[in-house]
N, C-alpha and C. Protein backbone atom coordinates (compact mmCIF):
# COMPACT_ATOMS: atom_id res chain seq x y z
N UNK A 1 -121.05 -78.66 9.99
CA UNK A 1 -120.34 -78.34 11.21
C UNK A 1 -121.25 -77.50 12.11
N UNK A 2 -121.30 -77.83 13.38
CA UNK A 2 -122.13 -77.09 14.32
C UNK A 2 -121.41 -75.86 14.83
N UNK A 3 -122.18 -74.81 15.07
CA UNK A 3 -121.64 -73.62 15.71
C UNK A 3 -121.31 -73.99 17.15
N UNK A 4 -120.10 -73.63 17.61
CA UNK A 4 -119.70 -74.01 18.96
C UNK A 4 -120.62 -73.41 20.02
N UNK A 5 -121.21 -72.24 19.76
CA UNK A 5 -122.12 -71.64 20.72
C UNK A 5 -123.43 -72.42 20.83
N UNK A 6 -123.77 -73.17 19.78
CA UNK A 6 -125.00 -73.94 19.80
C UNK A 6 -124.90 -75.12 20.77
N UNK A 7 -123.71 -75.60 21.02
CA UNK A 7 -123.58 -76.76 21.89
C UNK A 7 -122.99 -76.38 23.24
N UNK A 8 -123.02 -75.10 23.55
CA UNK A 8 -122.64 -74.67 24.88
C UNK A 8 -121.19 -74.32 25.09
N UNK A 9 -120.39 -74.38 24.05
CA UNK A 9 -118.99 -73.99 24.19
C UNK A 9 -118.86 -72.53 23.84
N UNK A 10 -118.18 -71.81 24.65
CA UNK A 10 -117.98 -70.40 24.38
C UNK A 10 -116.52 -70.16 23.98
N UNK A 11 -116.35 -69.30 23.02
CA UNK A 11 -114.99 -68.90 22.65
C UNK A 11 -114.50 -67.94 23.73
N UNK A 12 -113.20 -67.96 24.02
CA UNK A 12 -112.69 -67.02 25.03
C UNK A 12 -112.87 -65.58 24.55
N UNK A 13 -113.15 -64.70 25.49
CA UNK A 13 -113.40 -63.30 25.17
C UNK A 13 -112.21 -62.45 25.59
N UNK A 14 -111.73 -61.64 24.65
CA UNK A 14 -110.61 -60.73 24.92
C UNK A 14 -111.12 -59.30 24.86
N UNK A 15 -110.75 -58.52 25.86
CA UNK A 15 -111.03 -57.09 25.88
C UNK A 15 -109.78 -56.36 25.40
N UNK A 16 -109.92 -55.59 24.33
CA UNK A 16 -108.82 -54.80 23.80
C UNK A 16 -109.08 -53.34 24.17
N UNK A 17 -108.17 -52.75 24.94
CA UNK A 17 -108.29 -51.36 25.35
C UNK A 17 -107.15 -50.60 24.67
N UNK A 18 -107.48 -49.93 23.58
CA UNK A 18 -106.49 -49.26 22.74
C UNK A 18 -107.16 -48.10 22.03
N UNK A 19 -106.52 -46.92 22.04
CA UNK A 19 -107.12 -45.75 21.40
C UNK A 19 -106.67 -45.55 19.96
N UNK A 20 -105.78 -46.38 19.46
CA UNK A 20 -105.35 -46.32 18.07
C UNK A 20 -106.15 -47.38 17.28
N UNK A 21 -107.00 -46.91 16.38
CA UNK A 21 -107.90 -47.81 15.65
C UNK A 21 -107.15 -48.87 14.85
N UNK A 22 -106.04 -48.50 14.22
CA UNK A 22 -105.30 -49.48 13.43
C UNK A 22 -104.70 -50.58 14.30
N UNK A 23 -104.18 -50.20 15.47
CA UNK A 23 -103.63 -51.21 16.37
C UNK A 23 -104.73 -52.08 16.97
N UNK A 24 -105.91 -51.49 17.19
CA UNK A 24 -107.05 -52.28 17.65
C UNK A 24 -107.42 -53.33 16.62
N UNK A 25 -107.48 -52.92 15.36
CA UNK A 25 -107.81 -53.86 14.28
C UNK A 25 -106.74 -54.95 14.15
N UNK A 26 -105.48 -54.58 14.32
CA UNK A 26 -104.40 -55.56 14.27
C UNK A 26 -104.57 -56.59 15.38
N UNK A 27 -104.78 -56.12 16.61
CA UNK A 27 -104.97 -57.03 17.74
C UNK A 27 -106.21 -57.90 17.54
N UNK A 28 -107.28 -57.30 17.06
CA UNK A 28 -108.51 -58.04 16.81
C UNK A 28 -108.27 -59.17 15.80
N UNK A 29 -107.59 -58.86 14.72
CA UNK A 29 -107.32 -59.88 13.71
C UNK A 29 -106.48 -61.03 14.24
N UNK A 30 -105.45 -60.69 15.01
CA UNK A 30 -104.58 -61.73 15.58
C UNK A 30 -105.35 -62.61 16.56
N UNK A 31 -106.13 -61.99 17.43
CA UNK A 31 -106.88 -62.75 18.44
C UNK A 31 -107.99 -63.57 17.80
N UNK A 32 -108.69 -63.00 16.83
CA UNK A 32 -109.76 -63.73 16.14
C UNK A 32 -109.21 -64.96 15.43
N UNK A 33 -108.03 -64.83 14.84
CA UNK A 33 -107.41 -65.97 14.15
C UNK A 33 -107.08 -67.10 15.12
N UNK A 34 -106.92 -66.77 16.40
CA UNK A 34 -106.63 -67.78 17.42
C UNK A 34 -107.89 -68.27 18.13
N UNK A 35 -109.06 -67.84 17.66
CA UNK A 35 -110.31 -68.35 18.22
C UNK A 35 -110.93 -67.50 19.32
N UNK A 36 -110.48 -66.28 19.49
CA UNK A 36 -111.04 -65.39 20.50
C UNK A 36 -112.17 -64.56 19.90
N UNK A 37 -113.17 -64.30 20.71
CA UNK A 37 -114.10 -63.23 20.44
C UNK A 37 -113.49 -61.99 21.07
N UNK A 38 -113.75 -60.83 20.50
CA UNK A 38 -113.14 -59.61 21.03
C UNK A 38 -114.18 -58.51 21.22
N UNK A 39 -113.91 -57.69 22.22
CA UNK A 39 -114.65 -56.46 22.42
C UNK A 39 -113.61 -55.36 22.58
N UNK A 40 -114.00 -54.13 22.29
CA UNK A 40 -113.04 -53.03 22.23
C UNK A 40 -113.46 -51.88 23.09
N UNK A 41 -112.46 -51.13 23.53
CA UNK A 41 -112.68 -49.87 24.22
C UNK A 41 -111.51 -48.96 23.89
N UNK A 42 -111.82 -47.68 23.65
CA UNK A 42 -110.78 -46.72 23.32
C UNK A 42 -110.47 -45.80 24.50
N UNK A 43 -111.31 -45.86 25.53
CA UNK A 43 -111.17 -44.97 26.68
C UNK A 43 -111.39 -45.75 27.97
N UNK A 44 -110.94 -45.18 29.06
CA UNK A 44 -111.06 -45.82 30.37
C UNK A 44 -112.50 -46.13 30.72
N UNK A 45 -113.38 -45.17 30.59
CA UNK A 45 -114.79 -45.37 30.95
C UNK A 45 -115.43 -46.44 30.07
N UNK A 46 -115.14 -46.38 28.79
CA UNK A 46 -115.68 -47.37 27.86
C UNK A 46 -115.20 -48.77 28.22
N UNK A 47 -113.96 -48.90 28.67
CA UNK A 47 -113.42 -50.21 29.06
C UNK A 47 -114.21 -50.78 30.23
N UNK A 48 -114.54 -49.94 31.19
CA UNK A 48 -115.28 -50.40 32.36
C UNK A 48 -116.70 -50.82 31.97
N UNK A 49 -117.32 -50.08 31.08
CA UNK A 49 -118.67 -50.42 30.62
C UNK A 49 -118.63 -51.73 29.85
N UNK A 50 -117.69 -51.87 28.93
CA UNK A 50 -117.58 -53.10 28.14
C UNK A 50 -117.34 -54.32 29.04
N UNK A 51 -116.48 -54.17 30.02
CA UNK A 51 -116.18 -55.28 30.93
C UNK A 51 -117.41 -55.68 31.73
N UNK A 52 -118.18 -54.69 32.19
CA UNK A 52 -119.37 -54.97 32.98
C UNK A 52 -120.44 -55.68 32.15
N UNK A 53 -120.60 -55.25 30.93
CA UNK A 53 -121.62 -55.82 30.04
C UNK A 53 -121.21 -57.22 29.57
N UNK A 54 -119.92 -57.41 29.32
CA UNK A 54 -119.43 -58.65 28.72
C UNK A 54 -119.49 -59.85 29.65
N UNK A 55 -119.35 -59.62 30.94
CA UNK A 55 -119.28 -60.76 31.84
C UNK A 55 -117.86 -61.26 31.95
N UNK A 56 -117.64 -62.55 31.78
CA UNK A 56 -116.33 -63.17 31.99
C UNK A 56 -115.39 -62.90 30.81
N UNK A 57 -114.33 -62.16 31.08
CA UNK A 57 -113.31 -61.87 30.09
C UNK A 57 -112.14 -62.82 30.35
N UNK A 58 -111.64 -63.45 29.29
CA UNK A 58 -110.54 -64.39 29.43
C UNK A 58 -109.19 -63.69 29.52
N UNK A 59 -109.06 -62.55 28.85
CA UNK A 59 -107.80 -61.81 28.83
C UNK A 59 -108.08 -60.37 28.43
N UNK A 60 -107.28 -59.45 28.96
CA UNK A 60 -107.36 -58.06 28.57
C UNK A 60 -106.04 -57.64 27.95
N UNK A 61 -106.11 -56.94 26.83
CA UNK A 61 -104.95 -56.36 26.17
C UNK A 61 -105.11 -54.86 26.33
N UNK A 62 -104.21 -54.23 27.11
CA UNK A 62 -104.41 -52.85 27.52
C UNK A 62 -103.21 -51.98 27.15
N UNK A 63 -103.49 -50.89 26.44
CA UNK A 63 -102.49 -49.87 26.17
C UNK A 63 -102.42 -48.98 27.41
N UNK A 64 -101.23 -48.64 27.85
CA UNK A 64 -101.11 -47.81 29.05
C UNK A 64 -101.52 -46.37 28.80
N UNK A 65 -101.28 -45.85 27.61
CA UNK A 65 -101.58 -44.46 27.30
C UNK A 65 -102.85 -44.39 26.45
N UNK A 66 -103.88 -43.79 27.01
CA UNK A 66 -105.15 -43.64 26.31
C UNK A 66 -105.50 -42.16 26.23
N UNK A 67 -105.60 -41.65 25.02
CA UNK A 67 -105.92 -40.23 24.80
C UNK A 67 -104.99 -39.29 25.55
N UNK A 68 -103.70 -39.62 25.55
CA UNK A 68 -102.72 -38.74 26.18
C UNK A 68 -102.66 -38.84 27.69
N UNK A 69 -103.45 -39.72 28.28
CA UNK A 69 -103.46 -39.91 29.73
C UNK A 69 -102.94 -41.31 30.01
N UNK A 70 -102.25 -41.47 31.11
CA UNK A 70 -101.78 -42.80 31.50
C UNK A 70 -102.92 -43.48 32.26
N UNK A 71 -103.94 -43.88 31.52
CA UNK A 71 -105.14 -44.46 32.10
C UNK A 71 -105.11 -45.97 32.15
N UNK A 72 -104.18 -46.59 31.45
CA UNK A 72 -104.12 -48.05 31.40
C UNK A 72 -103.97 -48.69 32.77
N UNK A 73 -103.16 -48.08 33.63
CA UNK A 73 -103.01 -48.63 34.98
C UNK A 73 -104.33 -48.62 35.73
N UNK A 74 -105.10 -47.54 35.59
CA UNK A 74 -106.41 -47.47 36.26
C UNK A 74 -107.36 -48.53 35.71
N UNK A 75 -107.31 -48.75 34.41
CA UNK A 75 -108.15 -49.77 33.79
C UNK A 75 -107.81 -51.14 34.37
N UNK A 76 -106.53 -51.46 34.45
CA UNK A 76 -106.11 -52.76 34.97
C UNK A 76 -106.53 -52.93 36.43
N UNK A 77 -106.31 -51.89 37.24
CA UNK A 77 -106.73 -51.96 38.65
C UNK A 77 -108.23 -52.22 38.77
N UNK A 78 -109.02 -51.49 37.98
CA UNK A 78 -110.47 -51.65 38.05
C UNK A 78 -110.91 -53.03 37.59
N UNK A 79 -110.33 -53.54 36.51
CA UNK A 79 -110.67 -54.88 36.03
C UNK A 79 -110.33 -55.92 37.08
N UNK A 80 -109.19 -55.76 37.73
CA UNK A 80 -108.75 -56.75 38.71
C UNK A 80 -109.45 -56.61 40.05
N UNK A 81 -110.19 -55.55 40.26
CA UNK A 81 -111.05 -55.50 41.45
C UNK A 81 -112.16 -56.53 41.33
N UNK A 82 -112.56 -56.82 40.11
CA UNK A 82 -113.63 -57.79 39.87
C UNK A 82 -113.09 -59.20 39.60
N UNK A 83 -111.93 -59.26 38.95
CA UNK A 83 -111.30 -60.55 38.63
C UNK A 83 -109.81 -60.42 38.98
N UNK A 84 -109.44 -60.72 40.22
CA UNK A 84 -108.06 -60.48 40.68
C UNK A 84 -106.98 -61.15 39.85
N UNK A 85 -107.26 -62.32 39.28
CA UNK A 85 -106.24 -63.03 38.51
C UNK A 85 -106.45 -62.90 37.00
N UNK A 86 -107.12 -61.82 36.57
CA UNK A 86 -107.37 -61.62 35.14
C UNK A 86 -106.03 -61.53 34.40
N UNK A 87 -105.84 -62.36 33.38
CA UNK A 87 -104.63 -62.26 32.57
C UNK A 87 -104.65 -60.94 31.79
N UNK A 88 -103.53 -60.21 31.85
CA UNK A 88 -103.43 -58.91 31.18
C UNK A 88 -102.13 -58.85 30.38
N UNK A 89 -102.27 -58.42 29.14
CA UNK A 89 -101.11 -58.11 28.31
C UNK A 89 -101.10 -56.59 28.16
N UNK A 90 -100.05 -55.97 28.66
CA UNK A 90 -99.89 -54.52 28.56
C UNK A 90 -99.07 -54.22 27.31
N UNK A 91 -99.59 -53.32 26.50
CA UNK A 91 -98.85 -52.87 25.32
C UNK A 91 -98.58 -51.39 25.51
N UNK A 92 -97.32 -51.01 25.40
CA UNK A 92 -96.97 -49.62 25.66
C UNK A 92 -95.83 -49.16 24.77
N UNK A 93 -95.87 -47.91 24.44
CA UNK A 93 -94.76 -47.27 23.74
C UNK A 93 -93.75 -46.72 24.71
N UNK A 94 -94.08 -46.70 26.01
CA UNK A 94 -93.15 -46.20 27.01
C UNK A 94 -92.00 -47.19 27.19
N UNK A 95 -90.82 -46.66 27.38
CA UNK A 95 -89.67 -47.48 27.71
C UNK A 95 -89.94 -48.16 29.05
N UNK A 96 -89.44 -49.36 29.24
CA UNK A 96 -89.73 -50.09 30.48
C UNK A 96 -89.21 -49.37 31.72
N UNK A 97 -88.24 -48.47 31.57
CA UNK A 97 -87.73 -47.70 32.71
C UNK A 97 -88.54 -46.45 32.99
N UNK A 98 -89.44 -46.07 32.11
CA UNK A 98 -90.21 -44.84 32.28
C UNK A 98 -91.21 -45.00 33.43
N UNK A 99 -91.38 -43.97 34.24
CA UNK A 99 -92.34 -44.05 35.35
C UNK A 99 -93.76 -44.35 34.87
N UNK A 100 -94.10 -43.90 33.66
CA UNK A 100 -95.44 -44.15 33.12
C UNK A 100 -95.68 -45.63 32.83
N UNK A 101 -94.61 -46.38 32.68
CA UNK A 101 -94.72 -47.80 32.35
C UNK A 101 -94.66 -48.70 33.58
N UNK A 102 -94.67 -48.12 34.76
CA UNK A 102 -94.57 -48.88 36.00
C UNK A 102 -95.80 -49.78 36.17
N UNK A 103 -95.57 -51.06 36.32
CA UNK A 103 -96.67 -52.02 36.48
C UNK A 103 -96.75 -52.57 37.91
N UNK A 104 -95.92 -52.05 38.80
CA UNK A 104 -95.94 -52.53 40.19
C UNK A 104 -97.29 -52.22 40.82
N UNK A 105 -97.76 -53.17 41.58
CA UNK A 105 -99.03 -53.00 42.29
C UNK A 105 -100.25 -53.27 41.44
N UNK A 106 -100.06 -53.71 40.18
CA UNK A 106 -101.21 -53.96 39.31
C UNK A 106 -101.63 -55.41 39.31
N UNK A 107 -100.94 -56.24 40.06
CA UNK A 107 -101.34 -57.65 40.14
C UNK A 107 -100.66 -58.50 39.09
N UNK A 108 -101.09 -59.73 39.07
CA UNK A 108 -100.51 -60.75 38.21
C UNK A 108 -101.61 -61.68 37.74
N UNK A 109 -101.52 -62.31 36.62
CA UNK A 109 -100.45 -62.36 35.65
C UNK A 109 -100.50 -61.19 34.65
N UNK A 110 -99.34 -60.64 34.39
CA UNK A 110 -99.21 -59.52 33.47
C UNK A 110 -97.95 -59.71 32.64
N UNK A 111 -98.07 -59.44 31.35
CA UNK A 111 -96.94 -59.46 30.44
C UNK A 111 -96.91 -58.11 29.74
N UNK A 112 -95.71 -57.55 29.57
CA UNK A 112 -95.55 -56.26 28.89
C UNK A 112 -94.96 -56.48 27.50
N UNK A 113 -95.56 -55.83 26.52
CA UNK A 113 -95.02 -55.81 25.16
C UNK A 113 -94.79 -54.36 24.76
N UNK A 114 -93.78 -54.14 23.95
CA UNK A 114 -93.49 -52.78 23.50
C UNK A 114 -94.18 -52.55 22.16
N UNK A 115 -94.81 -51.41 22.04
CA UNK A 115 -95.56 -51.11 20.83
C UNK A 115 -94.72 -50.27 19.89
N UNK A 116 -94.90 -50.40 18.61
CA UNK A 116 -95.87 -51.23 17.91
C UNK A 116 -95.35 -52.63 17.61
N UNK A 117 -94.03 -52.85 17.69
CA UNK A 117 -93.46 -54.14 17.32
C UNK A 117 -93.91 -55.29 18.17
N UNK A 118 -94.36 -55.04 19.38
CA UNK A 118 -94.79 -56.10 20.29
C UNK A 118 -95.98 -56.89 19.81
N UNK A 119 -96.69 -56.37 18.84
CA UNK A 119 -97.85 -57.10 18.34
C UNK A 119 -97.45 -58.41 17.68
N UNK A 120 -96.19 -58.51 17.24
CA UNK A 120 -95.71 -59.78 16.71
C UNK A 120 -95.72 -60.87 17.78
N UNK A 121 -95.62 -60.46 19.03
CA UNK A 121 -95.58 -61.40 20.15
C UNK A 121 -96.90 -61.47 20.91
N UNK A 122 -97.95 -60.85 20.37
CA UNK A 122 -99.21 -60.77 21.10
C UNK A 122 -99.79 -62.14 21.45
N UNK A 123 -99.90 -63.00 20.48
CA UNK A 123 -100.54 -64.30 20.75
C UNK A 123 -99.73 -65.14 21.74
N UNK A 124 -98.40 -65.28 21.58
CA UNK A 124 -97.66 -66.01 22.61
C UNK A 124 -97.82 -65.37 24.00
N UNK A 125 -97.85 -64.05 24.07
CA UNK A 125 -98.01 -63.37 25.36
C UNK A 125 -99.39 -63.65 25.96
N UNK A 126 -100.43 -63.60 25.13
CA UNK A 126 -101.79 -63.89 25.61
C UNK A 126 -101.88 -65.31 26.13
N UNK A 127 -101.36 -66.25 25.37
CA UNK A 127 -101.41 -67.65 25.80
C UNK A 127 -100.60 -67.86 27.07
N UNK A 128 -99.47 -67.15 27.19
CA UNK A 128 -98.63 -67.27 28.38
C UNK A 128 -99.35 -66.77 29.62
N UNK A 129 -99.95 -65.56 29.57
CA UNK A 129 -100.61 -65.05 30.77
C UNK A 129 -101.84 -65.88 31.12
N UNK A 130 -102.52 -66.41 30.11
CA UNK A 130 -103.68 -67.26 30.40
C UNK A 130 -103.23 -68.56 31.08
N UNK A 131 -102.11 -69.11 30.64
CA UNK A 131 -101.58 -70.33 31.27
C UNK A 131 -101.10 -70.03 32.69
N UNK A 132 -100.47 -68.88 32.90
CA UNK A 132 -100.06 -68.50 34.25
C UNK A 132 -101.27 -68.41 35.17
N UNK A 133 -102.35 -67.81 34.69
CA UNK A 133 -103.58 -67.70 35.50
C UNK A 133 -104.17 -69.08 35.77
N UNK A 134 -104.16 -69.93 34.76
CA UNK A 134 -104.74 -71.27 34.91
C UNK A 134 -103.97 -72.11 35.90
N UNK A 135 -102.64 -72.06 35.84
CA UNK A 135 -101.81 -72.93 36.67
C UNK A 135 -101.36 -72.28 37.97
N UNK A 136 -101.41 -70.95 38.02
CA UNK A 136 -100.91 -70.25 39.20
C UNK A 136 -99.40 -70.18 39.26
N UNK A 137 -98.74 -70.53 38.17
CA UNK A 137 -97.27 -70.57 38.14
C UNK A 137 -96.70 -69.29 37.55
N UNK A 138 -95.88 -68.62 38.34
CA UNK A 138 -95.18 -67.44 37.86
C UNK A 138 -94.08 -67.90 36.91
N UNK A 139 -93.74 -67.10 35.92
CA UNK A 139 -92.61 -67.49 35.05
C UNK A 139 -91.34 -67.66 35.87
N UNK A 140 -90.59 -68.69 35.57
CA UNK A 140 -89.38 -69.01 36.33
C UNK A 140 -88.41 -67.84 36.38
N UNK A 141 -88.30 -67.09 35.28
CA UNK A 141 -87.34 -65.98 35.26
C UNK A 141 -87.74 -64.83 36.19
N UNK A 142 -88.98 -64.81 36.68
CA UNK A 142 -89.43 -63.77 37.61
C UNK A 142 -89.13 -64.12 39.05
N UNK A 143 -88.85 -65.39 39.30
CA UNK A 143 -88.69 -65.82 40.68
C UNK A 143 -87.30 -65.53 41.20
N UNK A 144 -87.23 -65.22 42.47
CA UNK A 144 -85.94 -65.08 43.14
C UNK A 144 -85.48 -66.46 43.59
N UNK A 145 -84.22 -66.59 43.89
CA UNK A 145 -83.69 -67.88 44.37
C UNK A 145 -84.45 -68.37 45.59
N UNK A 146 -84.91 -67.45 46.44
CA UNK A 146 -85.61 -67.84 47.65
C UNK A 146 -87.01 -68.36 47.37
N UNK A 147 -87.50 -68.15 46.12
CA UNK A 147 -88.84 -68.64 45.77
C UNK A 147 -88.83 -70.13 45.45
N UNK A 148 -87.68 -70.68 45.16
CA UNK A 148 -87.60 -72.08 44.78
C UNK A 148 -87.58 -72.96 46.01
N UNK A 149 -88.24 -74.09 45.90
CA UNK A 149 -88.15 -75.09 46.97
C UNK A 149 -87.28 -76.22 46.45
N UNK A 150 -86.33 -76.63 47.25
CA UNK A 150 -85.40 -77.68 46.82
C UNK A 150 -85.67 -78.95 47.56
């Protein structure tokens, strides 16, 4: 069997931004099993360096709280300055109503999972945001009635 990199095919690259080492390993294992290469960052600055060095990232998995700071939003904004339609899966322990969990103004496509249990849904969420980016189609449940054309 030939290595896929030998014939010019690249595996999709996922950036995992998480300061909990065990959760990073969990996400890495799940993504690797689905054919992703992964790179990691535990801090905001490290995420920006990894993204710059890596080149084209297929998806980012970002924890909103990094080292006690709500830095995940800044990471997402910075990543999307370079790739506006970057698929992002946000993983957070914050309740969806908490101000710290506010995802408004961070762009699209974005899916939110609640940690730690949300890791069970990581792969479907990653595939969903990547498909949204590929097709440009927002999930139907996000659309208002006025968004539909009849």
